[in-house]
Amino acid sequence: MSVFHLAFNVTDLEKSRAFYHDILGCAEGRSTDTWVDFNFFGHQISLHLGKPFQTENSGQVAGHLVPMPHLGVVLPLEEWRSLSARLQAAGIDFVLEPSTRFAGEAGEQSTMFFRDPSGNPIEIKGFADMAQVFEK
């Protein structure tokens, strides 16, 4: 098994800690005064103080324009549903509300897009059958 690592900038470490730990449920790892690591659903993200990357809603997927670039993870559907409910209860402002796309097709998935407190876009996908993640 390999673990993916992504480092990106945030504007406020304390707001980011509250979001990634308290709302998304990610465990905090090592940190300094200028960065913090999180276990992002089994992968390592490192949040560094700085200017976040520029994004625009230019990705065309299933009739929607989605933020590009973006960070994301694919979860088993039940875990996705639980996270979706937690985000809705927390009053998260969604870029793309939780929904299902490609219904009845190979690769059917539930998805949602939202931004962290620094504006970094995140997509969370949910699959009922994880074997279909790479289906054509």
Protein backbone atom coordinates (compact mmCIF):
# COMPACT_ATOMS: atom_id res chain seq x y z
CA MET A 1 0.00 0.00 0.00
CA SER A 2 1.24 3.49 -0.79
CA VAL A 3 0.14 6.72 0.83
CA PHE A 4 -0.41 9.85 -1.22
CA HIS A 5 1.12 13.12 0.04
CA LEU A 6 0.01 16.62 -0.92
CA ALA A 7 1.29 19.89 0.55
CA PHE A 8 -0.60 23.12 -0.07
CA ASN A 9 -1.05 26.58 1.41
CA VAL A 10 -3.64 27.85 3.85
CA THR A 11 -4.09 31.32 5.28
CA ASP A 12 -4.81 30.38 8.92
CA LEU A 13 -3.56 27.24 10.67
CA GLU A 14 -6.05 27.43 13.57
CA LYS A 15 -9.10 27.72 11.29
CA SER A 16 -7.65 24.94 9.15
CA ARG A 17 -7.10 22.73 12.21
CA ALA A 18 -10.71 23.23 13.27
CA PHE A 19 -11.98 22.43 9.78
CA TYR A 20 -9.84 19.39 8.96
CA HIS A 21 -9.95 17.88 12.45
CA ASP A 22 -13.31 18.89 13.91
CA ILE A 23 -15.45 18.90 10.76
CA LEU A 24 -13.77 16.43 8.40
CA GLY A 25 -12.56 14.17 11.23
CA CYS A 26 -8.91 14.02 10.12
CA ALA A 27 -6.32 13.17 12.78
CA GLU A 28 -3.58 15.75 13.24
CA GLY A 29 0.03 14.68 12.88
CA ARG A 30 3.26 16.62 13.23
CA SER A 31 3.29 20.40 13.14
CA THR A 32 5.33 23.56 13.62
CA ASP A 33 4.35 27.22 13.78
CA THR A 34 4.08 27.32 9.98
CA TRP A 35 2.62 23.93 8.94
CA VAL A 36 0.52 21.00 10.15
CA ASP A 37 0.08 17.46 8.82
CA PHE A 38 -3.24 15.59 8.74
CA ASN A 39 -4.29 12.03 8.03
CA PHE A 40 -6.68 12.81 5.18
CA PHE A 41 -8.63 9.55 4.98
CA GLY A 42 -5.46 7.46 4.98
CA HIS A 43 -3.31 9.93 3.05
CA GLN A 44 -1.00 12.69 4.23
CA ILE A 45 -1.74 16.34 3.61
CA SER A 46 0.54 19.12 4.84
CA LEU A 47 -1.00 22.54 5.30
CA HIS A 48 1.55 25.36 5.10
CA LEU A 49 0.99 29.03 5.82
CA GLY A 50 0.98 30.93 2.55
CA LYS A 51 -1.12 32.03 -0.39
CA PRO A 52 -3.51 29.26 -1.54
CA PHE A 53 -3.36 28.19 -5.17
CA GLN A 54 -5.65 29.95 -7.62
CA THR A 55 -8.67 27.96 -8.76
CA GLU A 56 -11.51 28.45 -11.20
CA ASN A 57 -14.69 26.56 -11.99
CA SER A 58 -13.45 25.22 -15.32
CA GLY A 59 -13.71 21.42 -15.00
CA GLN A 60 -16.71 20.16 -16.94
CA VAL A 61 -18.12 16.99 -15.38
CA ALA A 62 -21.65 15.65 -15.86
CA GLY A 63 -23.08 19.04 -16.80
CA HIS A 64 -21.40 20.98 -13.96
CA LEU A 65 -18.40 23.26 -13.83
CA VAL A 66 -16.22 22.19 -10.91
CA PRO A 67 -13.24 23.92 -9.27
CA MET A 68 -9.87 23.17 -10.82
CA PRO A 69 -7.47 22.16 -9.46
CA HIS A 70 -8.94 20.41 -6.42
CA LEU A 71 -8.05 17.87 -3.76
CA GLY A 72 -10.23 14.86 -3.14
CA VAL A 73 -10.70 11.36 -1.89
CA VAL A 74 -12.88 8.38 -2.83
CA LEU A 75 -14.74 6.75 0.06
CA PRO A 76 -17.00 3.73 0.42
CA LEU A 77 -20.58 4.98 0.00
CA GLU A 78 -21.65 4.54 3.63
CA GLU A 79 -18.65 6.56 4.85
CA TRP A 80 -19.44 9.21 2.20
CA ARG A 81 -23.05 9.42 3.41
CA SER A 82 -21.92 9.84 7.03
CA LEU A 83 -19.48 12.60 6.08
CA SER A 84 -22.09 14.29 3.89
CA ALA A 85 -24.54 14.38 6.80
CA ARG A 86 -21.82 15.76 9.13
CA LEU A 87 -20.92 18.51 6.64
CA GLN A 88 -24.57 19.46 6.15
CA ALA A 89 -25.11 19.58 9.93
CA ALA A 90 -22.04 21.86 10.22
CA GLY A 91 -23.60 24.26 7.70
CA ILE A 92 -20.88 23.85 5.07
CA ASP A 93 -21.49 25.95 1.96
CA PHE A 94 -21.27 23.48 -0.93
CA VAL A 95 -19.90 24.38 -4.35
CA LEU A 96 -21.77 21.28 -5.59
CA GLU A 97 -24.38 19.82 -3.26
CA PRO A 98 -24.14 16.11 -2.41
CA SER A 99 -25.54 14.22 -5.38
CA THR A 100 -25.17 11.09 -7.51
CA ARG A 101 -23.81 11.19 -11.04
CA PHE A 102 -23.50 8.57 -13.76
CA ALA A 103 -26.46 6.70 -12.20
CA GLY A 104 -26.80 3.18 -13.55
CA GLU A 105 -23.50 3.43 -15.45
CA ALA A 106 -20.05 2.03 -14.75
CA GLY A 107 -18.45 4.44 -12.34
CA GLU A 108 -21.71 5.52 -10.68
CA GLN A 109 -20.68 7.79 -7.83
CA SER A 110 -21.91 10.16 -5.21
CA THR A 111 -20.01 13.42 -5.02
CA MET A 112 -19.84 16.76 -3.26
CA PHE A 113 -17.61 19.81 -3.60
CA PHE A 114 -16.86 22.38 -0.92
CA ARG A 115 -13.99 24.65 0.10
CA ASP A 116 -11.83 24.73 3.20
CA PRO A 117 -11.56 28.01 5.20
CA SER A 118 -8.75 29.19 2.88
CA GLY A 119 -10.80 28.54 -0.26
CA ASN A 120 -9.05 25.32 -1.29
CA PRO A 121 -11.60 23.16 -3.17
CA ILE A 122 -12.25 19.60 -2.01
CA GLU A 123 -14.22 16.87 -3.73
CA ILE A 124 -15.37 13.80 -1.83
CA LYS A 125 -16.65 10.88 -3.91
CA GLY A 126 -18.54 7.85 -2.66
CA PHE A 127 -18.76 4.49 -4.42
CA ALA A 128 -21.13 1.65 -3.54
CA ASP A 129 -18.66 -0.67 -5.32
CA MET A 130 -15.05 0.44 -4.86
CA ALA A 131 -14.05 -1.93 -7.68
CA GLN A 132 -15.76 0.51 -10.09
CA VAL A 133 -13.50 3.48 -9.24
CA PHE A 134 -11.42 2.92 -12.38
CA GLU A 135 -14.16 1.49 -14.63
CA LYS A 136 -14.53 2.97 -18.12
